Every structure is written in structure tokens, then in C-alpha cells.
Amino acid sequence: MILPIYLYNHPILRQKAIPIRSITPEIVTLAENMFETMYQANGIGLAANQVGQRHAMIVVDIRDTDEGNDTPPLCLLNPRIIAYSDKQVEYEEGCLSVPGIRELVVRPDQVTVEYDDLELHPQRIEAEGLLARVLQHEIDHLQGIYFFDRISPLRRSFLRNKLKKLERGIAIECAYPYVHSSVNVEQ
């Protein structure tokens, strides 16, 4: 099932996620729906709060990118970054919850992430390049952090007008169903 994506400034996007302690049919269905929603929206990552759920869950699939040839789709429960590389890389990021806005963000090039799989078995992944970036971006969502929170105040000030328009529901252009903080629109 395609879920609506919650857009910028909806309160749930600033709330911290709640850890998943047991696997229920609802959790499995949420994971399946998140993948389906992400694919329909042409995304490469999605956090549960972006579809209105406070669960600590992200899905990632970078296979259709130049860097994701052999990376399988991932569903991570309770993900946490336990190590970062010293090497920092600047790369343009966008977000399904902030349509039409892209910005260069500096992040570590490599991360080690511990998480639970859909059977609550502990896992660890060492990621670099685009996969590391997407994992950091989506894990940030679970902490209530947007990608533009990681840029300089000066660069963020240049986004102010676009964010205000998005916040007011003006000129939202996205090809997927969404929920706005003041307007609920199904497309």
C-alpha cells in the first residue's frame, strides 16, 4: 500500500523515533508499505516518521543508482551509527519530505551501523559512499533532523523562502500522496 509522505514542518518529523521491541504483523506490513511508497516516489531511502509512524525503522534501496549495483534493499530497525570515518565528502541531498529543495551537505564518507533486522536479530553494516550517506540521512530523520540542519546558517538562510512556501502549502510539486502540516492532499 502506498502511504502518504509527511512534508516539511509536520510535527512528527521533529520527534524522535521509538525503538521497536517486538515484531508484529503491523511492523512487517509497515516495512513492506514503506518500500512500496519509497519506490512509487522514486526515493532511495525512507524513514518511518516520513510516513507518519514513530517507529525506529528505515528502508533503503540504492540499486538503481550508479553506486548501488550489488547493494540489496535494506530494512533497518533501531539503527544507530557506531563509527564514522574521518574523511568528509560533500554531496547534494534532497528529501521526499522536502520536495523541490536540494542542498550540498558534508557528511562522513564511511559509517558503521548496528541495527536489528525484521526478526530482531542484531546486524552490522559497514557502508561507504552513497549508501553511507543515505543511512546517515535516514537515521537523522529518526532523530528529528532534516538534511538542511547540517548546512551552514548562511546557506540555510538562502532556503528560508522556499521552506516558508512549503510550510504554507504553496507550490508543492511532488508526484506522490502527501500530508502537509496544515493541508492533507491526496494526489
C-alpha atoms as a PDB file:
ATOM      1  CA  MET A   1       0.000   0.000   0.000  1.00  0.00           C
ATOM      2  CA  ILE A   2       1.281   3.456  -0.909  1.00  0.00           C
ATOM      3  CA  LEU A   3       1.412   5.671   2.179  1.00  0.00           C
ATOM      4  CA  PRO A   4       1.287   9.473   2.075  1.00  0.00           C
ATOM      5  CA  ILE A   5       4.615  11.147   2.816  1.00  0.00           C
ATOM      6  CA  TYR A   6       4.638  13.770   5.549  1.00  0.00           C
ATOM      7  CA  LEU A   7       6.075  17.075   4.389  1.00  0.00           C
ATOM      8  CA  TYR A   8       8.315  19.681   5.966  1.00  0.00           C
ATOM      9  CA  ASN A   9       7.305  21.110   9.298  1.00  0.00           C
ATOM     10  CA  HIS A  10       4.799  18.415  10.169  1.00  0.00           C
ATOM     11  CA  PRO A  11       5.410  17.898  13.908  1.00  0.00           C
ATOM     12  CA  ILE A  12       6.133  14.153  13.590  1.00  0.00           C
ATOM     13  CA  LEU A  13       9.234  14.918  11.511  1.00  0.00           C
ATOM     14  CA  ARG A  14      10.911  16.606  14.509  1.00  0.00           C
ATOM     15  CA  GLN A  15      10.014  13.873  17.005  1.00  0.00           C
ATOM     16  CA  LYS A  16      12.480  11.163  17.962  1.00  0.00           C
ATOM     17  CA  ALA A  17      11.596   7.645  16.915  1.00  0.00           C
ATOM     18  CA  ILE A  18      10.538   4.991  19.382  1.00  0.00           C
ATOM     19  CA  PRO A  19      12.593   1.760  19.418  1.00  0.00           C
ATOM     20  CA  ILE A  20      10.935  -1.384  18.096  1.00  0.00           C
ATOM     21  CA  ARG A  21      10.939  -4.078  20.780  1.00  0.00           C
ATOM     22  CA  SER A  22       8.811  -6.766  19.117  1.00  0.00           C
ATOM     23  CA  ILE A  23       7.939  -7.776  15.589  1.00  0.00           C
ATOM     24  CA  THR A  24       4.223  -7.690  14.913  1.00  0.00           C
ATOM     25  CA  PRO A  25       2.304  -8.164  11.674  1.00  0.00           C
ATOM     26  CA  GLU A  26       1.830  -4.372  11.676  1.00  0.00           C
ATOM     27  CA  ILE A  27       5.606  -3.804  11.746  1.00  0.00           C
ATOM     28  CA  VAL A  28       6.150  -6.223   8.835  1.00  0.00           C
ATOM     29  CA  THR A  29       3.335  -4.563   6.869  1.00  0.00           C
ATOM     30  CA  LEU A  30       4.782  -1.127   7.615  1.00  0.00           C
ATOM     31  CA  ALA A  31       8.152  -2.225   6.208  1.00  0.00           C
ATOM     32  CA  GLU A  32       6.509  -3.564   3.046  1.00  0.00           C
ATOM     33  CA  ASN A  33       4.449  -0.384   2.651  1.00  0.00           C
ATOM     34  CA  MET A  34       7.493   1.814   3.207  1.00  0.00           C
ATOM     35  CA  PHE A  35       9.366   0.058   0.395  1.00  0.00           C
ATOM     36  CA  GLU A  36       6.368   0.381  -1.909  1.00  0.00           C
ATOM     37  CA  THR A  37       5.952   4.065  -1.008  1.00  0.00           C
ATOM     38  CA  MET A  38       9.656   4.796  -1.494  1.00  0.00           C
ATOM     39  CA  TYR A  39       9.657   3.130  -4.925  1.00  0.00           C
ATOM     40  CA  GLN A  40       6.498   4.939  -6.038  1.00  0.00           C
ATOM     41  CA  ALA A  41       8.049   8.273  -5.012  1.00  0.00           C
ATOM     42  CA  ASN A  42      11.364   7.446  -6.775  1.00  0.00           C
ATOM     43  CA  GLY A  43      13.254   7.655  -3.494  1.00  0.00           C
ATOM     44  CA  ILE A  44      16.297   5.732  -2.315  1.00  0.00           C
ATOM     45  CA  GLY A  45      15.582   5.933   1.413  1.00  0.00           C
ATOM     46  CA  LEU A  46      12.622   6.483   3.721  1.00  0.00           C
ATOM     47  CA  ALA A  47      12.206   6.740   7.497  1.00  0.00           C
ATOM     48  CA  ALA A  48       9.043   5.659   9.316  1.00  0.00           C
ATOM     49  CA  ASN A  49       8.287   9.161  10.591  1.00  0.00           C
ATOM     50  CA  GLN A  50       8.129  10.311   6.968  1.00  0.00           C
ATOM     51  CA  VAL A  51       5.000   8.171   6.651  1.00  0.00           C
ATOM     52  CA  GLY A  52       3.575   9.248   9.993  1.00  0.00           C
ATOM     53  CA  GLN A  53       4.934   6.468  12.206  1.00  0.00           C
ATOM     54  CA  ARG A  54       7.217   6.974  15.208  1.00  0.00           C
ATOM     55  CA  HIS A  55       8.875   3.566  14.883  1.00  0.00           C
ATOM     56  CA  ALA A  56      12.672   3.452  14.593  1.00  0.00           C
ATOM     57  CA  MET A  57      12.666   1.958  11.097  1.00  0.00           C
ATOM     58  CA  ILE A  58      14.239   2.937   7.797  1.00  0.00           C
ATOM     59  CA  VAL A  59      14.259   1.380   4.358  1.00  0.00           C
ATOM     60  CA  VAL A  60      16.986   1.932   1.774  1.00  0.00           C
ATOM     61  CA  ASP A  61      17.457   0.797  -1.807  1.00  0.00           C
ATOM     62  CA  ILE A  62      20.223   2.328  -3.930  1.00  0.00           C
ATOM     63  CA  ARG A  63      20.298  -0.381  -6.624  1.00  0.00           C
ATOM     64  CA  ASP A  64      19.073   1.956  -9.378  1.00  0.00           C
ATOM     65  CA  THR A  65      21.915   4.411  -8.799  1.00  0.00           C
ATOM     66  CA  ASP A  66      25.417   4.325 -10.247  1.00  0.00           C
ATOM     67  CA  GLU A  67      26.810   3.333  -6.839  1.00  0.00           C
ATOM     68  CA  GLY A  68      24.258   0.691  -5.858  1.00  0.00           C
ATOM     69  CA  ASN A  69      24.762  -2.124  -8.342  1.00  0.00           C
ATOM     70  CA  ASP A  70      25.050  -5.013  -5.866  1.00  0.00           C
ATOM     71  CA  THR A  71      23.618  -3.473  -2.700  1.00  0.00           C
ATOM     72  CA  PRO A  72      20.452  -5.318  -1.665  1.00  0.00           C
ATOM     73  CA  PRO A  73      17.412  -3.414  -0.365  1.00  0.00           C
ATOM     74  CA  LEU A  74      17.725  -2.888   3.380  1.00  0.00           C
ATOM     75  CA  CYS A  75      15.194  -2.586   6.190  1.00  0.00           C
ATOM     76  CA  LEU A  76      16.856  -1.430   9.405  1.00  0.00           C
ATOM     77  CA  LEU A  77      15.110  -1.395  12.767  1.00  0.00           C
ATOM     78  CA  ASN A  78      16.579   0.624  15.637  1.00  0.00           C
ATOM     79  CA  PRO A  79      19.592   1.732  13.547  1.00  0.00           C
ATOM     80  CA  ARG A  80      22.461   3.507  15.256  1.00  0.00           C
ATOM     81  CA  ILE A  81      25.719   4.755  13.847  1.00  0.00           C
ATOM     82  CA  ILE A  82      28.585   3.453  15.943  1.00  0.00           C
ATOM     83  CA  ALA A  83      31.552   4.695  13.880  1.00  0.00           C
ATOM     84  CA  TYR A  84      32.263   7.444  11.344  1.00  0.00           C
ATOM     85  CA  SER A  85      35.264   7.880   9.048  1.00  0.00           C
ATOM     86  CA  ASP A  86      37.407  10.982   9.345  1.00  0.00           C
ATOM     87  CA  LYS A  87      37.060  11.582   5.618  1.00  0.00           C
ATOM     88  CA  GLN A  88      34.225  14.023   4.886  1.00  0.00           C
ATOM     89  CA  VAL A  89      32.521  14.311   1.497  1.00  0.00           C
ATOM     90  CA  GLU A  90      30.209  16.998   0.116  1.00  0.00           C
ATOM     91  CA  TYR A  91      27.253  15.716  -1.904  1.00  0.00           C
ATOM     92  CA  GLU A  92      23.908  17.099  -2.988  1.00  0.00           C
ATOM     93  CA  GLU A  93      20.965  15.774  -0.987  1.00  0.00           C
ATOM     94  CA  GLY A  94      17.226  16.028  -1.369  1.00  0.00           C
ATOM     95  CA  CYS A  95      14.370  14.589   0.627  1.00  0.00           C
ATOM     96  CA  LEU A  96      10.904  13.241  -0.112  1.00  0.00           C
ATOM     97  CA  SER A  97       9.619  15.297   2.849  1.00  0.00           C
ATOM     98  CA  VAL A  98      11.123  18.475   1.421  1.00  0.00           C
ATOM     99  CA  PRO A  99      10.213  18.297  -2.288  1.00  0.00           C
ATOM    100  CA  GLY A 100      11.954  20.665  -4.659  1.00  0.00           C
ATOM    101  CA  ILE A 101      14.815  21.545  -2.311  1.00  0.00           C
ATOM    102  CA  ARG A 102      18.326  20.187  -2.740  1.00  0.00           C
ATOM    103  CA  GLU A 103      21.495  21.293  -0.995  1.00  0.00           C
ATOM    104  CA  LEU A 104      25.134  20.277  -0.669  1.00  0.00           C
ATOM    105  CA  VAL A 105      25.729  18.514   2.647  1.00  0.00           C
ATOM    106  CA  VAL A 106      29.058  17.430   4.131  1.00  0.00           C
ATOM    107  CA  ARG A 107      28.992  14.022   5.820  1.00  0.00           C
ATOM    108  CA  PRO A 108      31.470  11.283   6.702  1.00  0.00           C
ATOM    109  CA  ASP A 109      32.195   9.062   3.704  1.00  0.00           C
ATOM    110  CA  GLN A 110      32.014   5.830   5.716  1.00  0.00           C
ATOM    111  CA  VAL A 111      29.891   4.668   8.630  1.00  0.00           C
ATOM    112  CA  THR A 112      29.343   1.536  10.650  1.00  0.00           C
ATOM    113  CA  VAL A 113      25.714   0.979  11.592  1.00  0.00           C
ATOM    114  CA  GLU A 114      24.284  -1.518  14.042  1.00  0.00           C
ATOM    115  CA  TYR A 115      20.617  -2.382  13.647  1.00  0.00           C
ATOM    116  CA  ASP A 116      18.050  -5.117  14.056  1.00  0.00           C
ATOM    117  CA  ASP A 117      16.569  -6.985  11.106  1.00  0.00           C
ATOM    118  CA  LEU A 118      12.881  -7.831  10.702  1.00  0.00           C
ATOM    119  CA  GLU A 119      13.331 -10.764  13.090  1.00  0.00           C
ATOM    120  CA  LEU A 120      15.015  -8.500  15.691  1.00  0.00           C
ATOM    121  CA  HIS A 121      18.368 -10.176  15.097  1.00  0.00           C
ATOM    122  CA  PRO A 122      21.297  -7.787  15.617  1.00  0.00           C
ATOM    123  CA  GLN A 123      23.150  -6.865  12.424  1.00  0.00           C
ATOM    124  CA  ARG A 124      26.031  -4.617  11.471  1.00  0.00           C
ATOM    125  CA  ILE A 125      26.825  -2.968   8.163  1.00  0.00           C
ATOM    126  CA  GLU A 126      29.903  -1.046   7.103  1.00  0.00           C
ATOM    127  CA  ALA A 127      28.918   1.373   4.374  1.00  0.00           C
ATOM    128  CA  GLU A 128      30.690   3.921   2.244  1.00  0.00           C
ATOM    129  CA  GLY A 129      29.792   6.406  -0.470  1.00  0.00           C
ATOM    130  CA  LEU A 130      26.139   6.823  -1.343  1.00  0.00           C
ATOM    131  CA  LEU A 131      24.954   4.018   0.951  1.00  0.00           C
ATOM    132  CA  ALA A 132      26.704   5.646   3.924  1.00  0.00           C
ATOM    133  CA  ARG A 133      25.123   8.993   3.045  1.00  0.00           C
ATOM    134  CA  VAL A 134      21.603   7.570   2.707  1.00  0.00           C
ATOM    135  CA  LEU A 135      21.933   5.695   6.004  1.00  0.00           C
ATOM    136  CA  GLN A 136      23.055   8.888   7.763  1.00  0.00           C
ATOM    137  CA  HIS A 137      20.251  10.928   6.161  1.00  0.00           C
ATOM    138  CA  GLU A 138      17.536   8.430   7.171  1.00  0.00           C
ATOM    139  CA  ILE A 139      18.918   7.848  10.671  1.00  0.00           C
ATOM    140  CA  ASP A 140      18.918  11.643  11.087  1.00  0.00           C
ATOM    141  CA  HIS A 141      15.185  11.572  10.319  1.00  0.00           C
ATOM    142  CA  LEU A 142      14.672   9.185  13.229  1.00  0.00           C
ATOM    143  CA  GLN A 143      16.284  11.840  15.458  1.00  0.00           C
ATOM    144  CA  GLY A 144      14.106  14.647  14.080  1.00  0.00           C
ATOM    145  CA  ILE A 145      16.906  16.115  11.957  1.00  0.00           C
ATOM    146  CA  TYR A 146      16.470  17.393   8.387  1.00  0.00           C
ATOM    147  CA  PHE A 147      19.369  17.357   5.917  1.00  0.00           C
ATOM    148  CA  PHE A 148      19.411  21.167   5.799  1.00  0.00           C
ATOM    149  CA  ASP A 149      20.008  21.248   9.576  1.00  0.00           C
ATOM    150  CA  ARG A 150      23.507  20.048   8.664  1.00  0.00           C
ATOM    151  CA  ILE A 151      24.407  23.024   6.458  1.00  0.00           C
ATOM    152  CA  SER A 152      25.756  26.408   7.490  1.00  0.00           C
ATOM    153  CA  PRO A 153      23.340  29.033   8.837  1.00  0.00           C
ATOM    154  CA  LEU A 154      24.185  31.251   5.861  1.00  0.00           C
ATOM    155  CA  ARG A 155      23.295  28.559   3.316  1.00  0.00           C
ATOM    156  CA  ARG A 156      20.190  27.673   5.346  1.00  0.00           C
ATOM    157  CA  SER A 157      19.095  31.336   5.199  1.00  0.00           C
ATOM    158  CA  PHE A 158      19.020  31.074   1.391  1.00  0.00           C
ATOM    159  CA  LEU A 159      16.455  28.270   1.742  1.00  0.00           C
ATOM    160  CA  ARG A 160      14.191  30.257   4.066  1.00  0.00           C
ATOM    161  CA  ASN A 161      11.736  31.475   1.393  1.00  0.00           C
ATOM    162  CA  LYS A 162      11.412  28.033  -0.211  1.00  0.00           C
ATOM    163  CA  LEU A 163      10.830  26.440   3.190  1.00  0.00           C
ATOM    164  CA  LYS A 164       8.224  29.068   4.108  1.00  0.00           C
ATOM    165  CA  LYS A 165       6.342  28.362   0.876  1.00  0.00           C
ATOM    166  CA  LEU A 166       6.499  24.643   1.527  1.00  0.00           C
ATOM    167  CA  GLU A 167       5.369  25.186   5.124  1.00  0.00           C
ATOM    168  CA  ARG A 168       2.355  27.185   3.928  1.00  0.00           C
ATOM    169  CA  GLY A 169       1.494  24.593   1.296  1.00  0.00           C
ATOM    170  CA  ILE A 170       2.360  26.902  -1.595  1.00  0.00           C
ATOM    171  CA  ALA A 171       3.891  25.496  -4.778  1.00  0.00           C
ATOM    172  CA  ILE A 172       4.259  21.923  -3.561  1.00  0.00           C
ATOM    173  CA  GLU A 173       5.257  19.854  -6.554  1.00  0.00           C
ATOM    174  CA  CYS A 174       5.536  16.158  -5.923  1.00  0.00           C
ATOM    175  CA  ALA A 175       4.113  13.171  -7.744  1.00  0.00           C
ATOM    176  CA  TYR A 176       3.129  11.211  -4.649  1.00  0.00           C
ATOM    177  CA  PRO A 177       0.442  11.476  -1.965  1.00  0.00           C
ATOM    178  CA  TYR A 178       1.474  13.664   0.937  1.00  0.00           C
ATOM    179  CA  VAL A 179       0.363  15.077   4.248  1.00  0.00           C
ATOM    180  CA  HIS A 180       1.107  18.705   4.981  1.00  0.00           C
ATOM    181  CA  SER A 181       1.091  20.165   8.481  1.00  0.00           C
ATOM    182  CA  SER A 182      -1.936  22.291   7.623  1.00  0.00           C
ATOM    183  CA  VAL A 183      -3.261  20.659   4.455  1.00  0.00           C
ATOM    184  CA  ASN A 184      -3.898  16.988   3.718  1.00  0.00           C
ATOM    185  CA  VAL A 185      -3.659  16.387  -0.019  1.00  0.00           C
ATOM    186  CA  GLU A 186      -4.009  13.043  -1.751  1.00  0.00           C
ATOM    187  CA  GLN A 187      -2.698  13.042  -5.316  1.00  0.00           C
END
